[in-house]
Amino acid sequence: MVASDILVVDFAQKDNVLKLYPEPPLLSSDRSGWDGIQLQYHRHQPHKLAENYSKQHRIIIHDRSPSPPLVEEMIEHRFQTKQFSYGDVTVVPANVLNSACWNTEYEFITLSFEPSTFARYTFDLTDVADVEFIPNFSKPDPLIHSIGVALKSELEFSPVGSRLYVDSLTAALMTHLLRHYWAQKPIAQTGITALPKRRLRQIIDYIHQHLDQDLALAELAAIVQMSPSYFSSLFKQSTGLAPHQYVIQCRIERAKKLLLQGELTIAEVAHTLGFTHQSHLSRHFKRLVGVTPKAFLKSQ
């Protein structure tokens, strides 16, 4: 096959996926407003992908199928034929030649992201200036699988979703990739194990002043001039909670106060505190308080 016959796929372009697959994805984050990462959920009958490379790094997470598919993968003219298991993960870096074919109906998640996204999330987790992303044939990776499933569930629950939650999952993914899928092992940061008190107070004050907004991890990290992944790690060391968990907890505490004041309905409280809808507030309220907002009001 000559170079001109090889597909170049740009997952940032909505219709480019149809260059590669016979049908559009069942689920896509195209309109979700997610920052830096794209999810697609596919179901396809037996198919052979043309040789291609993409402009983005790509992770394929093998999901449940009626029967485990027998898949032949090609990455840079190396081949592997394997019966995929639920949760197996294939890693294909940007600009790496690849193809695949499978013999039965097949369901899978794809996560794609720009090389610049990886650099933005991890720039202060390593002092290596240039690291090489290593392609990997299908193998089990429980953490990547769980992140992919969590992102898919978030997209199904709310097409818009929580930016901070999605950003936190993305940061965890980028850190994991840096540790396990890069040619050079990153040099760990030393000496700082938590946010300095002054910087932590800056962040907490900012969160409380913007509880009504869909906060982004990069937005919080920029306040203390850190990469999102590094900030997320230090924040959890400092508070015991991931940033999105801390924000939800603060919103629920504010919700309790607003409900007791009796000036707003439950739906209005949900809207005021940045929840996507009333049931979103109720779900987190019951998880943290133990009762629904209605039951909480009755008990008071």
Protein backbone atom coordinates (compact mmCIF):
# COMPACT_ATOMS: atom_id res chain seq x y z
CA MET A 1 0.00 0.00 0.00
CA VAL A 2 1.44 3.37 -0.97
CA ALA A 3 1.45 6.26 1.50
CA SER A 4 -1.32 8.09 -0.35
CA ASP A 5 -3.68 5.14 0.28
CA ILE A 6 -3.32 5.31 4.05
CA LEU A 7 -6.14 7.07 5.86
CA VAL A 8 -5.36 10.08 8.02
CA VAL A 9 -8.05 10.39 10.70
CA ASP A 10 -8.62 13.56 12.69
CA PHE A 11 -10.95 12.73 15.58
CA ALA A 12 -11.37 16.45 16.27
CA GLN A 13 -13.42 16.55 13.05
CA LYS A 14 -16.86 15.06 13.69
CA ASP A 15 -17.33 13.25 10.37
CA ASN A 16 -13.81 11.82 10.18
CA VAL A 17 -14.85 8.78 12.20
CA LEU A 18 -16.86 7.57 9.19
CA LYS A 19 -13.60 7.29 7.25
CA LEU A 20 -12.65 4.50 9.64
CA TYR A 21 -15.87 2.82 10.77
CA PRO A 22 -18.92 1.80 8.72
CA GLU A 23 -21.40 3.51 11.05
CA PRO A 24 -21.33 6.52 13.41
CA PRO A 25 -20.79 5.90 17.13
CA LEU A 26 -23.76 5.11 19.37
CA LEU A 27 -22.53 7.69 21.87
CA SER A 28 -20.16 10.64 21.44
CA SER A 29 -18.86 13.49 23.57
CA ASP A 30 -18.74 15.83 20.54
CA ARG A 31 -21.23 18.28 22.05
CA SER A 32 -20.38 17.74 25.70
CA GLY A 33 -17.92 20.60 26.11
CA TRP A 34 -15.27 18.27 27.55
CA ASP A 35 -11.83 19.83 27.54
CA GLY A 36 -9.11 17.96 25.69
CA ILE A 37 -10.53 14.43 25.53
CA GLN A 38 -13.13 12.83 23.29
CA LEU A 39 -15.13 9.64 23.92
CA GLN A 40 -16.98 7.54 21.37
CA TYR A 41 -18.86 4.32 22.01
CA HIS A 42 -19.07 1.93 19.05
CA ARG A 43 -20.93 -1.24 18.10
CA HIS A 44 -20.01 -2.80 14.76
CA GLN A 45 -20.57 -6.03 12.87
CA PRO A 46 -17.49 -7.90 11.53
CA HIS A 47 -15.28 -5.33 9.84
CA LYS A 48 -11.75 -4.64 8.64
CA LEU A 49 -10.27 -1.22 9.29
CA ALA A 50 -8.17 0.28 6.55
CA GLU A 51 -4.56 1.06 7.40
CA ASN A 52 -4.58 4.45 9.07
CA TYR A 53 -2.99 6.79 11.49
CA SER A 54 -4.68 9.48 13.53
CA LYS A 55 -3.62 12.97 14.53
CA GLN A 56 -4.54 12.19 18.13
CA HIS A 57 -3.36 9.59 20.64
CA ARG A 58 -6.01 6.89 20.82
CA ILE A 59 -7.05 4.34 23.44
CA ILE A 60 -9.45 1.53 22.55
CA ILE A 61 -11.22 -0.08 25.52
CA HIS A 62 -12.89 -3.37 24.70
CA ASP A 63 -16.39 -3.61 26.13
CA ARG A 64 -19.00 -6.34 26.42
CA SER A 65 -20.02 -8.17 23.24
CA PRO A 66 -22.43 -11.08 22.66
CA SER A 67 -19.37 -13.30 22.28
CA PRO A 68 -15.68 -12.37 22.71
CA PRO A 69 -14.41 -11.22 19.30
CA LEU A 70 -11.29 -12.61 17.69
CA VAL A 71 -9.36 -9.49 16.67
CA GLU A 72 -6.26 -9.14 14.55
CA GLU A 73 -4.38 -5.92 15.34
CA MET A 74 -1.61 -4.37 13.27
CA ILE A 75 0.63 -1.66 14.72
CA GLU A 76 3.59 -0.48 12.63
CA HIS A 77 3.59 -3.76 10.63
CA ARG A 78 3.59 -5.91 13.77
CA PHE A 79 0.63 -8.23 14.26
CA GLN A 80 -1.27 -9.77 17.15
CA THR A 81 -4.32 -12.02 16.91
CA LYS A 82 -6.20 -12.41 20.18
CA GLN A 83 -9.65 -13.16 21.53
CA PHE A 84 -10.39 -9.94 23.37
CA SER A 85 -11.68 -9.97 26.93
CA TYR A 86 -13.86 -7.37 28.64
CA GLY A 87 -11.60 -4.53 29.81
CA ASP A 88 -8.67 -5.17 27.47
CA VAL A 89 -7.03 -1.95 26.30
CA THR A 90 -5.12 -1.06 23.12
CA VAL A 91 -2.94 2.06 23.00
CA VAL A 92 -2.19 3.67 19.62
CA PRO A 93 -0.10 6.87 19.67
CA ALA A 94 -0.67 9.69 17.19
CA ASN A 95 0.89 9.21 13.74
CA VAL A 96 1.42 5.47 14.25
CA LEU A 97 0.29 3.15 11.43
CA ASN A 98 -2.38 0.70 12.56
CA SER A 99 -5.35 -1.39 11.47
CA ALA A 100 -7.61 -4.12 12.86
CA CYS A 101 -10.28 -6.63 11.88
CA TRP A 102 -12.75 -8.66 13.93
CA ASN A 103 -15.02 -11.62 13.29
CA THR A 104 -18.21 -10.90 15.24
CA GLU A 105 -20.33 -8.04 16.59
CA TYR A 106 -18.01 -5.91 18.68
CA GLU A 107 -18.51 -3.10 21.22
CA PHE A 108 -15.76 -0.76 22.35
CA ILE A 109 -14.96 2.67 23.75
CA THR A 110 -12.42 4.96 22.10
CA LEU A 111 -10.74 7.81 23.96
CA SER A 112 -8.75 10.25 21.82
CA PHE A 113 -6.75 13.32 22.82
CA GLU A 114 -4.21 15.68 21.32
CA PRO A 115 -0.50 15.33 22.19
CA SER A 116 -0.74 18.91 23.50
CA THR A 117 -3.43 17.80 25.97
CA PHE A 118 -1.07 15.26 27.49
CA ALA A 119 1.67 17.90 27.79
CA ARG A 120 -0.73 20.37 29.43
CA TYR A 121 -1.87 17.89 32.07
CA THR A 122 1.58 16.58 32.98
CA PHE A 123 4.16 19.31 32.34
CA ASP A 124 5.36 19.49 35.95
CA LEU A 125 5.18 15.74 36.69
CA THR A 126 8.45 15.11 34.86
CA ASP A 127 11.60 16.97 33.88
CA VAL A 128 12.00 14.92 30.69
CA ALA A 129 11.59 17.33 27.79
CA ASP A 130 10.63 14.78 25.13
CA VAL A 131 9.10 11.40 25.96
CA GLU A 132 7.94 8.79 23.47
CA PHE A 133 4.44 7.32 23.72
CA ILE A 134 4.75 3.55 23.25
CA PRO A 135 2.11 1.65 21.25
CA ASN A 136 0.64 -1.38 23.03
CA PHE A 137 -1.33 -4.30 21.69
CA SER A 138 -4.43 -5.29 23.61
CA LYS A 139 -3.83 -6.21 27.26
CA PRO A 140 -5.72 -5.82 30.55
CA ASP A 141 -5.45 -2.42 32.22
CA PRO A 142 -8.07 -2.15 34.99
CA LEU A 143 -7.45 1.55 35.71
CA ILE A 144 -7.83 2.72 32.10
CA HIS A 145 -10.88 0.48 31.75
CA SER A 146 -12.52 1.93 34.88
CA ILE A 147 -11.80 5.52 33.74
CA GLY A 148 -13.31 4.80 30.32
CA VAL A 149 -16.45 3.26 31.83
CA ALA A 150 -16.80 6.18 34.28
CA LEU A 151 -16.53 8.71 31.44
CA LYS A 152 -19.10 6.78 29.40
CA SER A 153 -21.48 6.66 32.38
CA GLU A 154 -21.07 10.39 32.95
CA LEU A 155 -21.89 11.08 29.31
CA GLU A 156 -24.97 8.85 29.47
CA PHE A 157 -26.19 10.43 32.72
CA SER A 158 -25.69 14.00 31.57
CA PRO A 159 -24.67 15.02 28.03
CA VAL A 160 -23.06 18.13 29.51
CA GLY A 161 -21.71 16.53 32.68
CA SER A 162 -19.50 17.97 35.36
CA ARG A 163 -16.38 19.54 33.88
CA LEU A 164 -14.47 19.08 37.12
CA TYR A 165 -15.33 15.38 37.35
CA VAL A 166 -14.42 14.73 33.71
CA ASP A 167 -11.21 16.77 34.11
CA SER A 168 -10.28 14.75 37.22
CA LEU A 169 -10.75 11.47 35.36
CA THR A 170 -8.71 12.87 32.47
CA ALA A 171 -5.91 13.91 34.86
CA ALA A 172 -5.83 10.42 36.38
CA LEU A 173 -5.65 8.90 32.89
CA MET A 174 -2.79 11.19 31.81
CA THR A 175 -0.79 10.45 34.97
CA HIS A 176 -1.28 6.70 34.48
CA LEU A 177 -0.18 6.92 30.85
CA LEU A 178 2.91 8.90 31.85
CA ARG A 179 3.87 6.25 34.38
CA HIS A 180 3.19 3.14 32.30
CA TYR A 181 3.13 3.93 28.57
CA TRP A 182 6.06 6.27 28.03
CA ALA A 183 9.54 5.22 26.88
CA GLN A 184 11.31 7.19 29.60
CA LYS A 185 10.12 6.87 33.16
CA PRO A 186 9.28 10.29 34.61
CA ILE A 187 11.36 11.61 37.47
CA ALA A 188 9.03 11.96 40.42
CA GLN A 189 8.56 15.31 42.06
CA THR A 190 10.13 15.42 45.53
CA GLY A 191 9.84 17.67 48.52
CA ILE A 192 6.21 18.77 48.03
CA THR A 193 3.54 16.37 49.24
CA ALA A 194 0.65 18.79 49.79
CA LEU A 195 -0.46 22.28 48.80
CA PRO A 196 1.02 25.07 50.91
CA LYS A 197 -1.61 26.44 53.30
CA ARG A 198 -1.77 29.82 51.57
CA ARG A 199 -2.37 28.25 48.17
CA LEU A 200 -4.91 25.80 49.58
CA ARG A 201 -6.82 28.72 51.11
CA GLN A 202 -6.76 30.49 47.71
CA ILE A 203 -8.31 27.46 46.07
CA ILE A 204 -10.94 26.89 48.78
CA ASP A 205 -11.98 30.55 48.71
CA TYR A 206 -12.26 30.44 44.92
CA ILE A 207 -14.39 27.28 45.04
CA HIS A 208 -16.80 28.80 47.59
CA GLN A 209 -17.12 31.97 45.50
CA HIS A 210 -17.94 29.98 42.34
CA LEU A 211 -20.12 27.09 43.51
CA ASP A 212 -22.75 28.04 40.95
CA GLN A 213 -20.32 27.50 38.06
CA ASP A 214 -19.17 24.37 36.25
CA LEU A 215 -15.58 24.59 37.48
CA ALA A 216 -12.77 23.08 35.42
CA LEU A 217 -9.69 21.40 36.85
CA ALA A 218 -7.39 23.47 34.63
CA GLU A 219 -9.08 26.62 35.98
CA LEU A 220 -8.29 25.67 39.59
CA ALA A 221 -4.77 24.49 38.76
CA ALA A 222 -4.00 27.79 37.00
CA ILE A 223 -4.66 29.70 40.24
CA VAL A 224 -1.65 28.01 41.84
CA GLN A 225 0.31 27.70 38.56
CA MET A 226 0.41 23.91 38.39
CA SER A 227 -0.51 21.30 35.82
CA PRO A 228 -3.98 19.79 36.36
CA SER A 229 -2.60 16.33 37.21
CA TYR A 230 -0.08 17.61 39.76
CA PHE A 231 -2.58 19.98 41.32
CA SER A 232 -5.20 17.23 41.61
CA SER A 233 -2.74 14.95 43.40
CA LEU A 234 -1.62 17.65 45.89
CA PHE A 235 -5.19 18.80 46.53
CA LYS A 236 -6.23 15.27 47.49
CA GLN A 237 -3.20 14.95 49.76
CA SER A 238 -4.18 18.22 51.43
CA THR A 239 -7.93 17.65 51.85
CA GLY A 240 -8.45 13.91 51.59
CA LEU A 241 -10.80 14.50 48.63
CA ALA A 242 -10.35 14.83 44.89
CA PRO A 243 -11.25 18.35 43.66
CA HIS A 244 -14.61 17.30 42.18
CA GLN A 245 -15.53 15.46 45.41
CA TYR A 246 -14.65 18.52 47.48
CA VAL A 247 -16.76 20.79 45.27
CA ILE A 248 -19.77 18.45 45.54
CA GLN A 249 -19.39 18.36 49.32
CA CYS A 250 -19.29 22.18 49.48
CA ARG A 251 -22.38 22.42 47.27
CA ILE A 252 -24.32 20.02 49.48
CA GLU A 253 -23.40 21.97 52.62
CA ARG A 254 -24.54 25.19 50.90
CA ALA A 255 -27.72 23.41 49.75
CA LYS A 256 -28.60 22.48 53.34
CA LYS A 257 -28.37 26.12 54.37
CA LEU A 258 -30.44 27.36 51.42
CA LEU A 259 -33.12 24.73 52.01
CA LEU A 260 -33.42 25.69 55.68
CA GLN A 261 -33.84 29.35 54.75
CA GLY A 262 -36.99 28.30 52.90
CA GLU A 263 -36.77 30.97 50.19
CA LEU A 264 -36.01 28.64 47.27
CA THR A 265 -37.54 25.41 45.99
CA ILE A 266 -35.37 22.31 45.71
CA ALA A 267 -35.17 22.83 41.94
CA GLU A 268 -34.10 26.45 42.43
CA VAL A 269 -31.43 25.40 44.94
CA ALA A 270 -30.11 22.86 42.43
CA HIS A 271 -29.92 25.53 39.71
CA THR A 272 -28.31 28.06 42.07
CA LEU A 273 -25.54 25.63 42.98
CA GLY A 274 -24.69 24.53 39.47
CA PHE A 275 -26.32 21.08 39.46
CA THR A 276 -27.60 20.02 36.05
CA HIS A 277 -31.10 19.32 37.44
CA GLN A 278 -32.98 18.58 40.67
CA SER A 279 -32.37 14.82 40.56
CA HIS A 280 -28.64 15.50 40.25
CA LEU A 281 -28.76 17.44 43.53
CA SER A 282 -30.97 14.79 45.17
CA ARG A 283 -28.62 11.97 44.21
CA HIS A 284 -25.57 13.62 45.77
CA PHE A 285 -27.56 14.96 48.73
CA LYS A 286 -28.78 11.48 49.69
CA ARG A 287 -25.30 10.02 49.22
CA LEU A 288 -23.67 12.55 51.55
CA VAL A 289 -26.46 13.38 54.01
CA GLY A 290 -28.22 10.03 54.04
CA VAL A 291 -31.68 11.37 53.10
CA THR A 292 -33.24 13.22 50.18
CA PRO A 293 -33.67 17.02 50.32
CA LYS A 294 -37.43 16.55 50.94
CA ALA A 295 -36.78 14.17 53.85
CA PHE A 296 -34.14 16.54 55.20
CA LEU A 297 -36.63 19.43 55.26
CA LYS A 298 -39.28 17.31 56.98
CA SER A 299 -36.82 16.24 59.66
CA GLN A 300 -36.06 19.88 60.44
